[in-house]
Amino acid sequence: MSKKIASGANAIVLDVKVGLGAFMQDPAEARQLADLMVSIGETAGRKMKALLSDMNQPLGQAVGNVLEVQEAIDVLHGGGPADFYEHCLNVSGHMLVLGGLFSNLESGRKMADRALKNGSAFEMLRKLVTAQGGEVSCIDHPEKMEKARLTESVSSPASGYLSEINPRMIGEAAAELGAGRTRKEDPVDHAVGFAVLHKVGDHVQAGEPLFVVHANDQARLDTAKSKALAAHKFSDSPVAALPLLYN
């Protein structure tokens, strides 16, 4: 909140994660945290809105630096995973309402959807990258970004309904590949990570692709693959899909 207030923002939408992969795993505790941050912002004279979003499974498919940037670019072109796209519409819609452009969320969502589909949202990314001295050609052609030397599609070991895709375990597996740091001096490998292909509630068949590993070291790939497999749990009975947002 200190950074957000110091940046000069007059209106702030907070995306407060809740679940297995979040700082707060209990919705009630996440709500308390959200209310506290909203109170801080309002005391500082800011317009505030907090959303509680699910983090009991990975959002979208990509886990890893380059992979996530490429996925975000897909969304800015009007594509990308359906849950990630929907999440962007919700956050953007609330921001447009808070900023005074619209009086209701649905109108804000529609404008955000138009901006994604007509290319204006992507053009804004290009301007931001240019303003910061970045390489715009990598935004226009994301295939130019770093690629992992090794990729492996991992098949489901069982048939059934996915009852859990633990995002904390997936994150730890990505860190094992080198996508994150365990110590501040550790190097980060921007190319490595995962594409998680399913959602909780999906029915998968044994042998069907479950996720894809992107790695630059075979030993790390093998270790991370085992951890990511352990993050997936199965049920013989149907499992309800998880909500994107909590009330």
C-alpha atoms as a PDB file:
ATOM      1  CA  MET A   1       0.000   0.000   0.000  1.00  0.00           C
ATOM      2  CA  SER A   2       2.917   2.366   0.674  1.00  0.00           C
ATOM      3  CA  LYS A   3       4.147   1.914  -2.891  1.00  0.00           C
ATOM      4  CA  LYS A   4       0.693   2.331  -4.407  1.00  0.00           C
ATOM      5  CA  ILE A   5      -0.003   5.499  -2.463  1.00  0.00           C
ATOM      6  CA  ALA A   6       3.480   6.916  -3.097  1.00  0.00           C
ATOM      7  CA  SER A   7       3.094   6.307  -6.839  1.00  0.00           C
ATOM      8  CA  GLY A   8       0.364   8.931  -6.950  1.00  0.00           C
ATOM      9  CA  ALA A   9      -2.522   6.668  -7.991  1.00  0.00           C
ATOM     10  CA  ASN A  10      -5.877   8.239  -7.159  1.00  0.00           C
ATOM     11  CA  ALA A  11      -7.878   5.032  -7.656  1.00  0.00           C
ATOM     12  CA  ILE A  12      -6.628   1.550  -6.742  1.00  0.00           C
ATOM     13  CA  VAL A  13      -8.094  -1.897  -7.441  1.00  0.00           C
ATOM     14  CA  LEU A  14      -6.538  -4.584  -5.253  1.00  0.00           C
ATOM     15  CA  ASP A  15      -6.418  -8.185  -6.488  1.00  0.00           C
ATOM     16  CA  VAL A  16      -6.167 -10.083  -3.196  1.00  0.00           C
ATOM     17  CA  LYS A  17      -5.373 -13.749  -3.778  1.00  0.00           C
ATOM     18  CA  VAL A  18      -6.821 -16.455  -1.555  1.00  0.00           C
ATOM     19  CA  GLY A  19      -6.121 -20.179  -1.512  1.00  0.00           C
ATOM     20  CA  LEU A  20      -3.347 -22.777  -1.496  1.00  0.00           C
ATOM     21  CA  GLY A  21      -0.967 -20.612  -3.516  1.00  0.00           C
ATOM     22  CA  ALA A  22      -1.694 -17.340  -1.710  1.00  0.00           C
ATOM     23  CA  PHE A  23      -0.449 -15.530   1.390  1.00  0.00           C
ATOM     24  CA  MET A  24      -3.960 -15.939   2.836  1.00  0.00           C
ATOM     25  CA  GLN A  25      -5.462 -19.402   2.398  1.00  0.00           C
ATOM     26  CA  ASP A  26      -8.718 -18.741   4.243  1.00  0.00           C
ATOM     27  CA  PRO A  27     -11.323 -16.473   2.533  1.00  0.00           C
ATOM     28  CA  ALA A  28     -12.292 -14.841   5.843  1.00  0.00           C
ATOM     29  CA  GLU A  29      -8.672 -13.921   6.589  1.00  0.00           C
ATOM     30  CA  ALA A  30      -8.190 -12.695   3.030  1.00  0.00           C
ATOM     31  CA  ARG A  31     -11.265 -10.490   3.450  1.00  0.00           C
ATOM     32  CA  GLN A  32      -9.778  -9.035   6.636  1.00  0.00           C
ATOM     33  CA  LEU A  33      -6.556  -8.245   4.794  1.00  0.00           C
ATOM     34  CA  ALA A  34      -8.475  -6.687   1.899  1.00  0.00           C
ATOM     35  CA  ASP A  35     -10.588  -4.554   4.247  1.00  0.00           C
ATOM     36  CA  LEU A  36      -7.458  -3.362   6.034  1.00  0.00           C
ATOM     37  CA  MET A  37      -5.750  -2.321   2.792  1.00  0.00           C
ATOM     38  CA  VAL A  38      -8.910  -0.586   1.569  1.00  0.00           C
ATOM     39  CA  SER A  39      -9.084   1.303   4.867  1.00  0.00           C
ATOM     40  CA  ILE A  40      -5.457   2.408   4.506  1.00  0.00           C
ATOM     41  CA  GLY A  41      -6.083   3.656   0.984  1.00  0.00           C
ATOM     42  CA  GLU A  42      -9.293   5.479   1.860  1.00  0.00           C
ATOM     43  CA  THR A  43      -7.604   7.124   4.835  1.00  0.00           C
ATOM     44  CA  ALA A  44      -4.999   8.422   2.376  1.00  0.00           C
ATOM     45  CA  GLY A  45      -7.769   9.841   0.189  1.00  0.00           C
ATOM     46  CA  ARG A  46      -7.739   7.173  -2.518  1.00  0.00           C
ATOM     47  CA  LYS A  47     -10.715   5.524  -4.198  1.00  0.00           C
ATOM     48  CA  MET A  48     -10.436   1.833  -3.371  1.00  0.00           C
ATOM     49  CA  LYS A  49     -11.822  -1.513  -4.475  1.00  0.00           C
ATOM     50  CA  ALA A  50     -10.638  -4.969  -3.381  1.00  0.00           C
ATOM     51  CA  LEU A  51     -11.376  -8.230  -5.166  1.00  0.00           C
ATOM     52  CA  LEU A  52     -10.805 -11.678  -3.659  1.00  0.00           C
ATOM     53  CA  SER A  53      -9.561 -13.941  -6.442  1.00  0.00           C
ATOM     54  CA  ASP A  54      -8.967 -17.671  -6.309  1.00  0.00           C
ATOM     55  CA  MET A  55      -5.448 -19.054  -6.046  1.00  0.00           C
ATOM     56  CA  ASN A  56      -6.276 -22.699  -5.424  1.00  0.00           C
ATOM     57  CA  GLN A  57      -4.981 -23.502  -8.906  1.00  0.00           C
ATOM     58  CA  PRO A  58      -2.785 -21.652 -11.411  1.00  0.00           C
ATOM     59  CA  LEU A  59      -4.499 -18.776 -13.221  1.00  0.00           C
ATOM     60  CA  GLY A  60      -4.228 -19.294 -16.967  1.00  0.00           C
ATOM     61  CA  GLN A  61      -1.763 -21.929 -18.131  1.00  0.00           C
ATOM     62  CA  ALA A  62       1.690 -20.340 -18.044  1.00  0.00           C
ATOM     63  CA  VAL A  63       4.030 -20.555 -15.054  1.00  0.00           C
ATOM     64  CA  GLY A  64       7.415 -18.960 -15.691  1.00  0.00           C
ATOM     65  CA  ASN A  65       8.751 -15.590 -16.791  1.00  0.00           C
ATOM     66  CA  VAL A  66       8.801 -15.670 -20.616  1.00  0.00           C
ATOM     67  CA  LEU A  67       5.856 -18.063 -20.761  1.00  0.00           C
ATOM     68  CA  GLU A  68       3.711 -15.712 -18.681  1.00  0.00           C
ATOM     69  CA  VAL A  69       4.668 -12.685 -20.777  1.00  0.00           C
ATOM     70  CA  GLN A  70       3.767 -14.566 -23.945  1.00  0.00           C
ATOM     71  CA  GLU A  71       0.439 -15.600 -22.425  1.00  0.00           C
ATOM     72  CA  ALA A  72      -0.284 -11.991 -21.432  1.00  0.00           C
ATOM     73  CA  ILE A  73       0.440 -10.887 -25.007  1.00  0.00           C
ATOM     74  CA  ASP A  74      -2.033 -13.517 -26.230  1.00  0.00           C
ATOM     75  CA  VAL A  75      -4.693 -11.999 -23.966  1.00  0.00           C
ATOM     76  CA  LEU A  76      -3.855  -8.499 -25.238  1.00  0.00           C
ATOM     77  CA  HIS A  77      -4.620  -9.816 -28.722  1.00  0.00           C
ATOM     78  CA  GLY A  78      -8.045 -11.012 -27.542  1.00  0.00           C
ATOM     79  CA  GLY A  79      -7.023 -14.630 -26.947  1.00  0.00           C
ATOM     80  CA  GLY A  80      -5.309 -16.612 -24.208  1.00  0.00           C
ATOM     81  CA  PRO A  81      -6.824 -18.960 -21.612  1.00  0.00           C
ATOM     82  CA  ALA A  82     -10.482 -18.289 -20.851  1.00  0.00           C
ATOM     83  CA  ASP A  83     -10.015 -17.917 -17.064  1.00  0.00           C
ATOM     84  CA  PHE A  84      -7.144 -15.445 -17.442  1.00  0.00           C
ATOM     85  CA  TYR A  85      -9.100 -13.426 -20.016  1.00  0.00           C
ATOM     86  CA  GLU A  86     -12.157 -13.307 -17.748  1.00  0.00           C
ATOM     87  CA  HIS A  87     -10.025 -12.266 -14.780  1.00  0.00           C
ATOM     88  CA  CYS A  88      -8.571  -9.383 -16.793  1.00  0.00           C
ATOM     89  CA  LEU A  89     -12.067  -8.202 -17.755  1.00  0.00           C
ATOM     90  CA  ASN A  90     -13.160  -8.202 -14.107  1.00  0.00           C
ATOM     91  CA  VAL A  91     -10.163  -6.272 -12.798  1.00  0.00           C
ATOM     92  CA  SER A  92     -10.204  -3.817 -15.707  1.00  0.00           C
ATOM     93  CA  GLY A  93     -13.965  -3.317 -15.436  1.00  0.00           C
ATOM     94  CA  HIS A  94     -13.724  -2.421 -11.761  1.00  0.00           C
ATOM     95  CA  MET A  95     -10.830  -0.050 -12.489  1.00  0.00           C
ATOM     96  CA  LEU A  96     -12.854   1.765 -15.151  1.00  0.00           C
ATOM     97  CA  VAL A  97     -15.776   2.159 -12.731  1.00  0.00           C
ATOM     98  CA  LEU A  98     -13.502   3.357  -9.942  1.00  0.00           C
ATOM     99  CA  GLY A  99     -11.879   5.819 -12.336  1.00  0.00           C
ATOM    100  CA  GLY A 100     -15.280   7.322 -13.109  1.00  0.00           C
ATOM    101  CA  LEU A 101     -15.595   6.268 -16.758  1.00  0.00           C
ATOM    102  CA  PHE A 102     -18.623   4.074 -16.097  1.00  0.00           C
ATOM    103  CA  SER A 103     -21.279   3.680 -13.435  1.00  0.00           C
ATOM    104  CA  ASN A 104     -21.487  -0.124 -13.573  1.00  0.00           C
ATOM    105  CA  LEU A 105     -19.182  -3.098 -13.913  1.00  0.00           C
ATOM    106  CA  GLU A 106     -20.773  -4.551 -17.044  1.00  0.00           C
ATOM    107  CA  SER A 107     -20.098  -1.384 -19.042  1.00  0.00           C
ATOM    108  CA  GLY A 108     -16.495  -1.381 -17.835  1.00  0.00           C
ATOM    109  CA  ARG A 109     -16.070  -5.022 -18.804  1.00  0.00           C
ATOM    110  CA  LYS A 110     -17.444  -4.342 -22.283  1.00  0.00           C
ATOM    111  CA  MET A 111     -14.977  -1.509 -22.838  1.00  0.00           C
ATOM    112  CA  ALA A 112     -12.104  -3.675 -21.622  1.00  0.00           C
ATOM    113  CA  ASP A 113     -13.222  -6.455 -23.957  1.00  0.00           C
ATOM    114  CA  ARG A 114     -13.279  -4.035 -26.911  1.00  0.00           C
ATOM    115  CA  ALA A 115      -9.804  -2.772 -26.037  1.00  0.00           C
ATOM    116  CA  LEU A 116      -8.442  -6.314 -26.033  1.00  0.00           C
ATOM    117  CA  LYS A 117     -10.124  -7.292 -29.267  1.00  0.00           C
ATOM    118  CA  ASN A 118      -9.455  -4.116 -31.290  1.00  0.00           C
ATOM    119  CA  GLY A 119      -5.753  -3.991 -30.463  1.00  0.00           C
ATOM    120  CA  SER A 120      -5.735  -0.772 -28.423  1.00  0.00           C
ATOM    121  CA  ALA A 121      -4.755  -2.578 -25.216  1.00  0.00           C
ATOM    122  CA  PHE A 122      -1.811  -4.217 -26.986  1.00  0.00           C
ATOM    123  CA  GLU A 123      -0.790  -0.864 -28.458  1.00  0.00           C
ATOM    124  CA  MET A 124      -0.644   0.564 -24.940  1.00  0.00           C
ATOM    125  CA  LEU A 125       1.764  -2.225 -23.962  1.00  0.00           C
ATOM    126  CA  ARG A 126       3.971  -1.256 -26.916  1.00  0.00           C
ATOM    127  CA  LYS A 127       3.996   2.363 -25.703  1.00  0.00           C
ATOM    128  CA  LEU A 128       4.911   1.292 -22.166  1.00  0.00           C
ATOM    129  CA  VAL A 129       7.773  -0.888 -23.405  1.00  0.00           C
ATOM    130  CA  THR A 130       9.035   1.907 -25.669  1.00  0.00           C
ATOM    131  CA  ALA A 131       8.882   4.468 -22.845  1.00  0.00           C
ATOM    132  CA  GLN A 132      11.070   2.233 -20.687  1.00  0.00           C
ATOM    133  CA  GLY A 133      13.631   1.538 -23.404  1.00  0.00           C
ATOM    134  CA  GLY A 134      12.522  -2.050 -23.986  1.00  0.00           C
ATOM    135  CA  GLU A 135      12.811  -4.137 -27.138  1.00  0.00           C
ATOM    136  CA  VAL A 136       9.437  -3.660 -28.817  1.00  0.00           C
ATOM    137  CA  SER A 137      10.182  -6.240 -31.499  1.00  0.00           C
ATOM    138  CA  CYS A 138       9.951  -8.926 -28.802  1.00  0.00           C
ATOM    139  CA  ILE A 139       6.437  -7.713 -27.986  1.00  0.00           C
ATOM    140  CA  ASP A 140       5.458  -7.733 -31.646  1.00  0.00           C
ATOM    141  CA  HIS A 141       7.099 -11.126 -32.157  1.00  0.00           C
ATOM    142  CA  PRO A 142       7.045 -12.942 -28.786  1.00  0.00           C
ATOM    143  CA  GLU A 143       8.507 -16.035 -30.449  1.00  0.00           C
ATOM    144  CA  LYS A 144      11.814 -14.109 -30.402  1.00  0.00           C
ATOM    145  CA  MET A 145      11.964 -14.367 -26.606  1.00  0.00           C
ATOM    146  CA  GLU A 146      14.200 -16.897 -24.891  1.00  0.00           C
ATOM    147  CA  LYS A 147      13.251 -20.538 -25.374  1.00  0.00           C
ATOM    148  CA  ALA A 148      14.064 -23.462 -23.117  1.00  0.00           C
ATOM    149  CA  ARG A 149      16.363 -26.084 -24.580  1.00  0.00           C
ATOM    150  CA  LEU A 150      14.167 -28.970 -23.388  1.00  0.00           C
ATOM    151  CA  THR A 151      10.411 -29.414 -23.498  1.00  0.00           C
ATOM    152  CA  GLU A 152       8.465 -32.444 -22.340  1.00  0.00           C
ATOM    153  CA  SER A 153       4.735 -33.071 -22.451  1.00  0.00           C
ATOM    154  CA  VAL A 154       3.751 -35.058 -19.351  1.00  0.00           C
ATOM    155  CA  SER A 155       0.768 -37.406 -19.564  1.00  0.00           C
ATOM    156  CA  SER A 156      -1.849 -38.007 -16.921  1.00  0.00           C
ATOM    157  CA  PRO A 157      -1.038 -41.111 -14.846  1.00  0.00           C
ATOM    158  CA  ALA A 158      -4.729 -41.807 -14.221  1.00  0.00           C
ATOM    159  CA  SER A 159      -8.237 -41.225 -15.495  1.00  0.00           C
ATOM    160  CA  GLY A 160     -10.621 -39.159 -13.411  1.00  0.00           C
ATOM    161  CA  TYR A 161     -11.704 -35.684 -12.371  1.00  0.00           C
ATOM    162  CA  LEU A 162      -9.020 -33.255 -11.271  1.00  0.00           C
ATOM    163  CA  SER A 163      -9.748 -32.413  -7.636  1.00  0.00           C
ATOM    164  CA  GLU A 164      -6.642 -30.293  -7.003  1.00  0.00           C
ATOM    165  CA  ILE A 165      -3.851 -28.584  -8.926  1.00  0.00           C
ATOM    166  CA  ASN A 166      -1.820 -27.185  -6.042  1.00  0.00           C
ATOM    167  CA  PRO A 167      -0.391 -23.840  -7.210  1.00  0.00           C
ATOM    168  CA  ARG A 168       2.184 -23.642  -4.428  1.00  0.00           C
ATOM    169  CA  MET A 169       3.631 -26.998  -5.473  1.00  0.00           C
ATOM    170  CA  ILE A 170       3.609 -25.917  -9.136  1.00  0.00           C
ATOM    171  CA  GLY A 171       5.422 -22.726  -8.146  1.00  0.00           C
ATOM    172  CA  GLU A 172       8.009 -24.673  -6.179  1.00  0.00           C
ATOM    173  CA  ALA A 173       8.499 -26.979  -9.165  1.00  0.00           C
ATOM    174  CA  ALA A 174       9.036 -23.924 -11.393  1.00  0.00           C
ATOM    175  CA  ALA A 175      11.598 -22.609  -8.914  1.00  0.00           C
ATOM    176  CA  GLU A 176      13.317 -25.988  -9.115  1.00  0.00           C
ATOM    177  CA  LEU A 177      13.671 -25.388 -12.862  1.00  0.00           C
ATOM    178  CA  GLY A 178      15.264 -22.002 -12.151  1.00  0.00           C
ATOM    179  CA  ALA A 179      12.250 -19.755 -12.793  1.00  0.00           C
ATOM    180  CA  GLY A 180      12.507 -18.213  -9.320  1.00  0.00           C
ATOM    181  CA  ARG A 181      14.971 -17.648  -6.506  1.00  0.00           C
ATOM    182  CA  THR A 182      15.357 -19.384  -3.172  1.00  0.00           C
ATOM    183  CA  ARG A 183      18.139 -16.906  -2.299  1.00  0.00           C
ATOM    184  CA  LYS A 184      18.401 -13.329  -3.564  1.00  0.00           C
ATOM    185  CA  GLU A 185      21.744 -14.058  -5.245  1.00  0.00           C
ATOM    186  CA  ASP A 186      20.358 -16.983  -7.266  1.00  0.00           C
ATOM    187  CA  PRO A 187      20.175 -16.434 -11.044  1.00  0.00           C
ATOM    188  CA  VAL A 188      16.766 -16.582 -12.769  1.00  0.00           C
ATOM    189  CA  ASP A 189      16.258 -18.590 -15.932  1.00  0.00           C
ATOM    190  CA  HIS A 190      13.586 -16.636 -17.786  1.00  0.00           C
ATOM    191  CA  ALA A 191      12.830 -19.370 -20.332  1.00  0.00           C
ATOM    192  CA  VAL A 192      11.837 -22.237 -18.024  1.00  0.00           C
ATOM    193  CA  GLY A 193       8.484 -23.125 -16.498  1.00  0.00           C
ATOM    194  CA  PHE A 194       5.242 -24.958 -17.144  1.00  0.00           C
ATOM    195  CA  ALA A 195       2.135 -24.892 -19.270  1.00  0.00           C
ATOM    196  CA  VAL A 196      -0.590 -26.341 -17.037  1.00  0.00           C
ATOM    197  CA  LEU A 197      -3.214 -27.660 -19.436  1.00  0.00           C
ATOM    198  CA  HIS A 198      -6.228 -28.383 -17.225  1.00  0.00           C
ATOM    199  CA  LYS A 199      -8.398 -26.951 -14.458  1.00  0.00           C
ATOM    200  CA  VAL A 200      -9.917 -28.378 -11.305  1.00  0.00           C
ATOM    201  CA  GLY A 201     -13.113 -30.166 -12.314  1.00  0.00           C
ATOM    202  CA  ASP A 202     -11.818 -31.258 -15.727  1.00  0.00           C
ATOM    203  CA  HIS A 203     -12.111 -34.930 -16.594  1.00  0.00           C
ATOM    204  CA  VAL A 204      -8.893 -36.354 -18.017  1.00  0.00           C
ATOM    205  CA  GLN A 205      -8.002 -39.745 -19.431  1.00  0.00           C
ATOM    206  CA  ALA A 206      -4.865 -41.659 -18.522  1.00  0.00           C
ATOM    207  CA  GLY A 207      -2.243 -40.812 -21.126  1.00  0.00           C
ATOM    208  CA  GLU A 208      -3.788 -37.434 -21.977  1.00  0.00           C
ATOM    209  CA  PRO A 209      -1.342 -34.481 -21.801  1.00  0.00           C
ATOM    210  CA  LEU A 210      -1.477 -32.972 -18.313  1.00  0.00           C
ATOM    211  CA  PHE A 211       1.209 -30.283 -18.484  1.00  0.00           C
ATOM    212  CA  VAL A 212       4.307 -29.308 -20.455  1.00  0.00           C
ATOM    213  CA  VAL A 213       7.698 -28.695 -18.839  1.00  0.00           C
ATOM    214  CA  HIS A 214      10.143 -26.154 -20.289  1.00  0.00           C
ATOM    215  CA  ALA A 215      13.653 -26.707 -18.929  1.00  0.00           C
ATOM    216  CA  ASN A 216      17.335 -26.166 -19.622  1.00  0.00           C
ATOM    217  CA  ASP A 217      18.653 -29.041 -17.522  1.00  0.00           C
ATOM    218  CA  GLN A 218      17.501 -32.663 -17.661  1.00  0.00           C
ATOM    219  CA  ALA A 219      18.037 -33.382 -13.963  1.00  0.00           C
ATOM    220  CA  ARG A 220      16.040 -30.304 -12.990  1.00  0.00           C
ATOM    221  CA  LEU A 221      13.336 -31.259 -15.475  1.00  0.00           C
ATOM    222  CA  ASP A 222      12.998 -34.720 -13.934  1.00  0.00           C
ATOM    223  CA  THR A 223      12.748 -33.342 -10.388  1.00  0.00           C
ATOM    224  CA  ALA A 224      10.301 -30.592 -11.329  1.00  0.00           C
ATOM    225  CA  LYS A 225       8.155 -33.002 -13.320  1.00  0.00           C
ATOM    226  CA  SER A 226       7.728 -35.255 -10.279  1.00  0.00           C
ATOM    227  CA  LYS A 227       6.737 -32.271  -8.121  1.00  0.00           C
ATOM    228  CA  ALA A 228       4.238 -31.010 -10.686  1.00  0.00           C
ATOM    229  CA  LEU A 229       2.703 -34.479 -11.013  1.00  0.00           C
ATOM    230  CA  ALA A 230       2.280 -34.614  -7.235  1.00  0.00           C
ATOM    231  CA  ALA A 231       0.438 -31.274  -7.406  1.00  0.00           C
ATOM    232  CA  HIS A 232      -2.327 -32.923  -9.468  1.00  0.00           C
ATOM    233  CA  LYS A 233      -4.873 -34.970  -7.526  1.00  0.00           C
ATOM    234  CA  PHE A 234      -7.717 -37.043  -8.941  1.00  0.00           C
ATOM    235  CA  SER A 235     -11.226 -38.072  -7.937  1.00  0.00           C
ATOM    236  CA  ASP A 236     -13.496 -40.776  -9.324  1.00  0.00           C
ATOM    237  CA  SER A 237     -16.498 -38.501  -8.748  1.00  0.00           C
ATOM    238  CA  PRO A 238     -17.274 -35.199 -10.511  1.00  0.00           C
ATOM    239  CA  VAL A 239     -15.625 -32.149  -8.937  1.00  0.00           C
ATOM    240  CA  ALA A 240     -17.050 -28.629  -9.085  1.00  0.00           C
ATOM    241  CA  ALA A 241     -15.050 -26.000 -10.943  1.00  0.00           C
ATOM    242  CA  LEU A 242     -13.432 -23.342  -8.762  1.00  0.00           C
ATOM    243  CA  PRO A 243     -14.735 -19.752  -8.822  1.00  0.00           C
ATOM    244  CA  LEU A 244     -12.552 -16.985 -10.222  1.00  0.00           C
ATOM    245  CA  LEU A 245     -13.706 -14.509  -7.577  1.00  0.00           C
ATOM    246  CA  TYR A 246     -15.154 -14.744  -4.072  1.00  0.00           C
ATOM    247  CA  ASN A 247     -17.866 -12.403  -2.795  1.00  0.00           C
END
